[in-house]
Amino acid sequence: MGIGISELLLLLLIVVVVFGTQRLRNVGADLGAAIKGFKNAVKDQDAPTPVAKDKKPIDGETATKQQEKT
């Protein structure tokens, strides 16, 4: 009792008649652009941020940290 090929074709025909081919083409292009943007955002978010290894503390930071240790 699933949806067969004939039901899917009938549904596709109804959608094309209601919306038209030009509008469906625009929806497809917009959906593709949205998916591409989402993938790029996820890829950029997963990239680790570079950390400076040779970062030297400011004089005030060194004094404050030494006082906190005591």
PDB file of N, CA and C in Angstrom:
ATOM      1  N   MET A   1       0.830  -1.184   0.000  1.00  0.00           N
ATOM      2  CA  MET A   1       0.000   0.000   0.000  1.00  0.00           C
ATOM      3  C   MET A   1       0.878   1.253   0.000  1.00  0.00           C
ATOM      4  N   GLY A   2       1.861   1.301  -0.824  1.00  0.00           N
ATOM      5  CA  GLY A   2       2.726   2.463  -0.946  1.00  0.00           C
ATOM      6  C   GLY A   2       2.344   3.289  -2.158  1.00  0.00           C
ATOM      7  N   ILE A   3       3.109   4.323  -2.373  1.00  0.00           N
ATOM      8  CA  ILE A   3       2.886   5.183  -3.529  1.00  0.00           C
ATOM      9  C   ILE A   3       3.657   4.587  -4.694  1.00  0.00           C
ATOM     10  N   GLY A   4       2.952   4.331  -5.770  1.00  0.00           N
ATOM     11  CA  GLY A   4       3.569   3.740  -6.942  1.00  0.00           C
ATOM     12  C   GLY A   4       4.032   4.796  -7.930  1.00  0.00           C
ATOM     13  N   ILE A   5       4.574   4.312  -9.048  1.00  0.00           N
ATOM     14  CA  ILE A   5       5.082   5.199 -10.094  1.00  0.00           C
ATOM     15  C   ILE A   5       3.960   6.032 -10.699  1.00  0.00           C
ATOM     16  N   SER A   6       2.806   5.416 -10.926  1.00  0.00           N
ATOM     17  CA  SER A   6       1.709   6.158 -11.560  1.00  0.00           C
ATOM     18  C   SER A   6       1.217   7.297 -10.669  1.00  0.00           C
ATOM     19  N   GLU A   7       1.153   7.068  -9.359  1.00  0.00           N
ATOM     20  CA  GLU A   7       0.738   8.136  -8.443  1.00  0.00           C
ATOM     21  C   GLU A   7       1.750   9.275  -8.419  1.00  0.00           C
ATOM     22  N   LEU A   8       3.048   8.945  -8.442  1.00  0.00           N
ATOM     23  CA  LEU A   8       4.084   9.977  -8.455  1.00  0.00           C
ATOM     24  C   LEU A   8       4.032  10.806  -9.735  1.00  0.00           C
ATOM     25  N   LEU A   9       3.820  10.139 -10.871  1.00  0.00           N
ATOM     26  CA  LEU A   9       3.712  10.868 -12.140  1.00  0.00           C
ATOM     27  C   LEU A   9       2.490  11.781 -12.151  1.00  0.00           C
ATOM     28  N   LEU A  10       1.364  11.310 -11.608  1.00  0.00           N
ATOM     29  CA  LEU A  10       0.171  12.130 -11.529  1.00  0.00           C
ATOM     30  C   LEU A  10       0.403  13.341 -10.628  1.00  0.00           C
ATOM     31  N   LEU A  11       1.065  13.136  -9.506  1.00  0.00           N
ATOM     32  CA  LEU A  11       1.387  14.230  -8.599  1.00  0.00           C
ATOM     33  C   LEU A  11       2.316  15.243  -9.266  1.00  0.00           C
ATOM     34  N   LEU A  12       3.321  14.761  -9.986  1.00  0.00           N
ATOM     35  CA  LEU A  12       4.235  15.643 -10.701  1.00  0.00           C
ATOM     36  C   LEU A  12       3.501  16.458 -11.761  1.00  0.00           C
ATOM     37  N   LEU A  13       2.585  15.836 -12.469  1.00  0.00           N
ATOM     38  CA  LEU A  13       1.802  16.536 -13.488  1.00  0.00           C
ATOM     39  C   LEU A  13       0.950  17.637 -12.855  1.00  0.00           C
ATOM     40  N   ILE A  14       0.340  17.359 -11.721  1.00  0.00           N
ATOM     41  CA  ILE A  14      -0.479  18.363 -11.037  1.00  0.00           C
ATOM     42  C   ILE A  14       0.381  19.532 -10.571  1.00  0.00           C
ATOM     43  N   VAL A  15       1.562  19.243 -10.031  1.00  0.00           N
ATOM     44  CA  VAL A  15       2.463  20.300  -9.557  1.00  0.00           C
ATOM     45  C   VAL A  15       2.911  21.186 -10.720  1.00  0.00           C
ATOM     46  N   VAL A  16       3.234  20.582 -11.851  1.00  0.00           N
ATOM     47  CA  VAL A  16       3.668  21.356 -13.024  1.00  0.00           C
ATOM     48  C   VAL A  16       2.531  22.235 -13.536  1.00  0.00           C
ATOM     49  N   VAL A  17       1.309  21.714 -13.537  1.00  0.00           N
ATOM     50  CA  VAL A  17       0.169  22.498 -14.014  1.00  0.00           C
ATOM     51  C   VAL A  17      -0.104  23.668 -13.065  1.00  0.00           C
ATOM     52  N   VAL A  18      -0.019  23.421 -11.764  1.00  0.00           N
ATOM     53  CA  VAL A  18      -0.352  24.465 -10.792  1.00  0.00           C
ATOM     54  C   VAL A  18       0.721  25.551 -10.764  1.00  0.00           C
ATOM     55  N   PHE A  19       1.986  25.157 -10.693  1.00  0.00           N
ATOM     56  CA  PHE A  19       3.060  26.134 -10.520  1.00  0.00           C
ATOM     57  C   PHE A  19       3.704  26.578 -11.824  1.00  0.00           C
ATOM     58  N   GLY A  20       3.722  25.765 -12.827  1.00  0.00           N
ATOM     59  CA  GLY A  20       4.371  26.109 -14.087  1.00  0.00           C
ATOM     60  C   GLY A  20       5.845  25.743 -14.059  1.00  0.00           C
ATOM     61  N   THR A  21       6.416  25.544 -15.227  1.00  0.00           N
ATOM     62  CA  THR A  21       7.807  25.079 -15.311  1.00  0.00           C
ATOM     63  C   THR A  21       8.807  26.159 -14.902  1.00  0.00           C
ATOM     64  N   GLN A  22       8.531  27.419 -15.239  1.00  0.00           N
ATOM     65  CA  GLN A  22       9.471  28.498 -14.908  1.00  0.00           C
ATOM     66  C   GLN A  22       9.594  28.668 -13.401  1.00  0.00           C
ATOM     67  N   ARG A  23       8.494  28.622 -12.702  1.00  0.00           N
ATOM     68  CA  ARG A  23       8.522  28.785 -11.249  1.00  0.00           C
ATOM     69  C   ARG A  23       9.228  27.598 -10.596  1.00  0.00           C
ATOM     70  N   LEU A  24       8.998  26.391 -11.096  1.00  0.00           N
ATOM     71  CA  LEU A  24       9.673  25.216 -10.542  1.00  0.00           C
ATOM     72  C   LEU A  24      11.177  25.285 -10.784  1.00  0.00           C
ATOM     73  N   ARG A  25      11.583  25.814 -11.920  1.00  0.00           N
ATOM     74  CA  ARG A  25      13.000  25.960 -12.219  1.00  0.00           C
ATOM     75  C   ARG A  25      13.641  26.940 -11.231  1.00  0.00           C
ATOM     76  N   ASN A  26      12.958  28.037 -10.938  1.00  0.00           N
ATOM     77  CA  ASN A  26      13.473  29.014  -9.977  1.00  0.00           C
ATOM     78  C   ASN A  26      13.558  28.427  -8.572  1.00  0.00           C
ATOM     79  N   VAL A  27      12.558  27.648  -8.194  1.00  0.00           N
ATOM     80  CA  VAL A  27      12.570  27.015  -6.874  1.00  0.00           C
ATOM     81  C   VAL A  27      13.742  26.051  -6.775  1.00  0.00           C
ATOM     82  N   GLY A  28      13.988  25.299  -7.835  1.00  0.00           N
ATOM     83  CA  GLY A  28      15.113  24.365  -7.843  1.00  0.00           C
ATOM     84  C   GLY A  28      16.452  25.074  -7.729  1.00  0.00           C
ATOM     85  N   ALA A  29      16.603  26.174  -8.439  1.00  0.00           N
ATOM     86  CA  ALA A  29      17.852  26.938  -8.379  1.00  0.00           C
ATOM     87  C   ALA A  29      18.046  27.551  -6.990  1.00  0.00           C
ATOM     88  N   ASP A  30      16.978  28.079  -6.410  1.00  0.00           N
ATOM     89  CA  ASP A  30      17.066  28.656  -5.066  1.00  0.00           C
ATOM     90  C   ASP A  30      17.393  27.592  -4.020  1.00  0.00           C
ATOM     91  N   LEU A  31      16.789  26.432  -4.157  1.00  0.00           N
ATOM     92  CA  LEU A  31      17.059  25.344  -3.221  1.00  0.00           C
ATOM     93  C   LEU A  31      18.510  24.879  -3.342  1.00  0.00           C
ATOM     94  N   GLY A  32      19.021  24.786  -4.558  1.00  0.00           N
ATOM     95  CA  GLY A  32      20.418  24.406  -4.756  1.00  0.00           C
ATOM     96  C   GLY A  32      21.381  25.420  -4.162  1.00  0.00           C
ATOM     97  N   ALA A  33      21.084  26.698  -4.324  1.00  0.00           N
ATOM     98  CA  ALA A  33      21.934  27.750  -3.756  1.00  0.00           C
ATOM     99  C   ALA A  33      21.901  27.713  -2.228  1.00  0.00           C
ATOM    100  N   ALA A  34      20.736  27.421  -1.664  1.00  0.00           N
ATOM    101  CA  ALA A  34      20.619  27.347  -0.205  1.00  0.00           C
ATOM    102  C   ALA A  34      21.416  26.175   0.346  1.00  0.00           C
ATOM    103  N   ILE A  35      21.358  25.045  -0.319  1.00  0.00           N
ATOM    104  CA  ILE A  35      22.110  23.870   0.129  1.00  0.00           C
ATOM    105  C   ILE A  35      23.607  24.121   0.018  1.00  0.00           C
ATOM    106  N   LYS A  36      24.032  24.757  -1.065  1.00  0.00           N
ATOM    107  CA  LYS A  36      25.451  25.074  -1.245  1.00  0.00           C
ATOM    108  C   LYS A  36      25.939  26.032  -0.164  1.00  0.00           C
ATOM    109  N   GLY A  37      25.140  27.042   0.152  1.00  0.00           N
ATOM    110  CA  GLY A  37      25.496  27.984   1.209  1.00  0.00           C
ATOM    111  C   GLY A  37      25.573  27.309   2.567  1.00  0.00           C
ATOM    112  N   PHE A  38      24.660  26.384   2.829  1.00  0.00           N
ATOM    113  CA  PHE A  38      24.671  25.657   4.097  1.00  0.00           C
ATOM    114  C   PHE A  38      25.922  24.798   4.212  1.00  0.00           C
ATOM    115  N   LYS A  39      26.282  24.111   3.150  1.00  0.00           N
ATOM    116  CA  LYS A  39      27.486  23.273   3.174  1.00  0.00           C
ATOM    117  C   LYS A  39      28.734  24.118   3.400  1.00  0.00           C
ATOM    118  N   ASN A  40      28.813  25.274   2.746  1.00  0.00           N
ATOM    119  CA  ASN A  40      29.970  26.154   2.936  1.00  0.00           C
ATOM    120  C   ASN A  40      30.041  26.674   4.373  1.00  0.00           C
ATOM    121  N   ALA A  41      28.897  27.001   4.951  1.00  0.00           N
ATOM    122  CA  ALA A  41      28.880  27.488   6.330  1.00  0.00           C
ATOM    123  C   ALA A  41      29.319  26.401   7.298  1.00  0.00           C
ATOM    124  N   VAL A  42      28.887  25.174   7.068  1.00  0.00           N
ATOM    125  CA  VAL A  42      29.282  24.066   7.944  1.00  0.00           C
ATOM    126  C   VAL A  42      30.771  23.794   7.793  1.00  0.00           C
ATOM    127  N   LYS A  43      31.287  23.861   6.573  1.00  0.00           N
ATOM    128  CA  LYS A  43      32.702  23.615   6.339  1.00  0.00           C
ATOM    129  C   LYS A  43      33.554  24.690   7.017  1.00  0.00           C
ATOM    130  N   ASP A  44      33.127  25.950   6.924  1.00  0.00           N
ATOM    131  CA  ASP A  44      33.864  27.046   7.550  1.00  0.00           C
ATOM    132  C   ASP A  44      33.824  26.956   9.071  1.00  0.00           C
ATOM    133  N   GLN A  45      32.731  26.475   9.613  1.00  0.00           N
ATOM    134  CA  GLN A  45      32.587  26.375  11.062  1.00  0.00           C
ATOM    135  C   GLN A  45      33.458  25.247  11.612  1.00  0.00           C
ATOM    136  N   ASP A  46      33.636  24.181  10.862  1.00  0.00           N
ATOM    137  CA  ASP A  46      34.443  23.047  11.309  1.00  0.00           C
ATOM    138  C   ASP A  46      35.933  23.320  11.246  1.00  0.00           C
ATOM    139  N   ALA A  47      36.352  24.312  10.473  1.00  0.00           N
ATOM    140  CA  ALA A  47      37.776  24.611  10.332  1.00  0.00           C
ATOM    141  C   ALA A  47      38.322  25.168  11.651  1.00  0.00           C
ATOM    142  N   PRO A  48      39.436  24.629  12.132  1.00  0.00           N
ATOM    143  CA  PRO A  48      39.991  25.133  13.396  1.00  0.00           C
ATOM    144  C   PRO A  48      40.564  26.535  13.218  1.00  0.00           C
ATOM    145  N   THR A  49      40.468  27.318  14.266  1.00  0.00           N
ATOM    146  CA  THR A  49      41.020  28.668  14.213  1.00  0.00           C
ATOM    147  C   THR A  49      42.504  28.601  14.546  1.00  0.00           C
ATOM    148  N   PRO A  50      43.329  29.319  13.807  1.00  0.00           N
ATOM    149  CA  PRO A  50      44.768  29.274  14.071  1.00  0.00           C
ATOM    150  C   PRO A  50      45.104  29.942  15.407  1.00  0.00           C
ATOM    151  N   VAL A  51      46.042  29.346  16.119  1.00  0.00           N
ATOM    152  CA  VAL A  51      46.475  29.876  17.407  1.00  0.00           C
ATOM    153  C   VAL A  51      47.932  30.295  17.281  1.00  0.00           C
ATOM    154  N   ALA A  52      48.231  31.505  17.735  1.00  0.00           N
ATOM    155  CA  ALA A  52      49.606  32.003  17.676  1.00  0.00           C
ATOM    156  C   ALA A  52      50.431  31.310  18.760  1.00  0.00           C
ATOM    157  N   LYS A  53      51.521  30.669  18.366  1.00  0.00           N
ATOM    158  CA  LYS A  53      52.362  29.950  19.319  1.00  0.00           C
ATOM    159  C   LYS A  53      53.368  30.867  19.999  1.00  0.00           C
ATOM    160  N   ASP A  54      53.747  31.929  19.328  1.00  0.00           N
ATOM    161  CA  ASP A  54      54.773  32.807  19.879  1.00  0.00           C
ATOM    162  C   ASP A  54      54.168  34.061  20.505  1.00  0.00           C
ATOM    163  N   LYS A  55      52.964  33.947  21.025  1.00  0.00           N
ATOM    164  CA  LYS A  55      52.297  35.093  21.637  1.00  0.00           C
ATOM    165  C   LYS A  55      52.956  35.396  22.987  1.00  0.00           C
ATOM    166  N   LYS A  56      53.394  36.617  23.138  1.00  0.00           N
ATOM    167  CA  LYS A  56      54.065  37.026  24.372  1.00  0.00           C
ATOM    168  C   LYS A  56      53.076  37.795  25.242  1.00  0.00           C
ATOM    169  N   PRO A  57      53.041  37.520  26.540  1.00  0.00           N
ATOM    170  CA  PRO A  57      52.106  38.230  27.407  1.00  0.00           C
ATOM    171  C   PRO A  57      52.528  39.678  27.624  1.00  0.00           C
ATOM    172  N   ILE A  58      51.554  40.504  27.875  1.00  0.00           N
ATOM    173  CA  ILE A  58      51.807  41.905  28.187  1.00  0.00           C
ATOM    174  C   ILE A  58      52.310  41.954  29.634  1.00  0.00           C
ATOM    175  N   ASP A  59      53.130  42.960  29.965  1.00  0.00           N
ATOM    176  CA  ASP A  59      53.722  43.061  31.300  1.00  0.00           C
ATOM    177  C   ASP A  59      52.672  43.005  32.400  1.00  0.00           C
ATOM    178  N   GLY A  60      51.554  43.659  32.213  1.00  0.00           N
ATOM    179  CA  GLY A  60      50.498  43.669  33.220  1.00  0.00           C
ATOM    180  C   GLY A  60      49.915  42.283  33.440  1.00  0.00           C
ATOM    181  N   GLU A  61      49.807  41.513  32.359  1.00  0.00           N
ATOM    182  CA  GLU A  61      49.275  40.155  32.472  1.00  0.00           C
ATOM    183  C   GLU A  61      50.212  39.279  33.279  1.00  0.00           C
ATOM    184  N   THR A  62      51.503  39.423  33.069  1.00  0.00           N
ATOM    185  CA  THR A  62      52.491  38.601  33.786  1.00  0.00           C
ATOM    186  C   THR A  62      52.424  38.905  35.288  1.00  0.00           C
ATOM    187  N   ALA A  63      52.360  40.168  35.645  1.00  0.00           N
ATOM    188  CA  ALA A  63      52.303  40.553  37.068  1.00  0.00           C
ATOM    189  C   ALA A  63      51.018  40.054  37.694  1.00  0.00           C
ATOM    190  N   THR A  64      49.923  40.150  36.984  1.00  0.00           N
ATOM    191  CA  THR A  64      48.634  39.716  37.525  1.00  0.00           C
ATOM    192  C   THR A  64      48.634  38.208  37.731  1.00  0.00           C
ATOM    193  N   LYS A  65      49.153  37.459  36.800  1.00  0.00           N
ATOM    194  CA  LYS A  65      49.187  36.009  36.922  1.00  0.00           C
ATOM    195  C   LYS A  65      50.085  35.567  38.056  1.00  0.00           C
ATOM    196  N   GLN A  66      51.187  36.259  38.270  1.00  0.00           N
ATOM    197  CA  GLN A  66      52.077  35.914  39.370  1.00  0.00           C
ATOM    198  C   GLN A  66      51.419  36.200  40.705  1.00  0.00           C
ATOM    199  N   GLN A  67      50.642  37.278  40.797  1.00  0.00           N
ATOM    200  CA  GLN A  67      49.959  37.600  42.036  1.00  0.00           C
ATOM    201  C   GLN A  67      48.842  36.594  42.327  1.00  0.00           C
ATOM    202  N   GLU A  68      48.177  36.086  41.284  1.00  0.00           N
ATOM    203  CA  GLU A  68      47.106  35.109  41.476  1.00  0.00           C
ATOM    204  C   GLU A  68      47.649  33.795  41.997  1.00  0.00           C
ATOM    205  N   LYS A  69      48.868  33.429  41.624  1.00  0.00           N
ATOM    206  CA  LYS A  69      49.463  32.163  42.057  1.00  0.00           C
ATOM    207  C   LYS A  69      49.793  32.179  43.533  1.00  0.00           C
ATOM    208  N   THR A  70      50.090  33.347  44.108  1.00  0.00           N
ATOM    209  CA  THR A  70      50.488  33.415  45.520  1.00  0.00           C
ATOM    210  C   THR A  70      49.321  33.522  46.440  1.00  0.00           C
TER     211      THR A  70
END
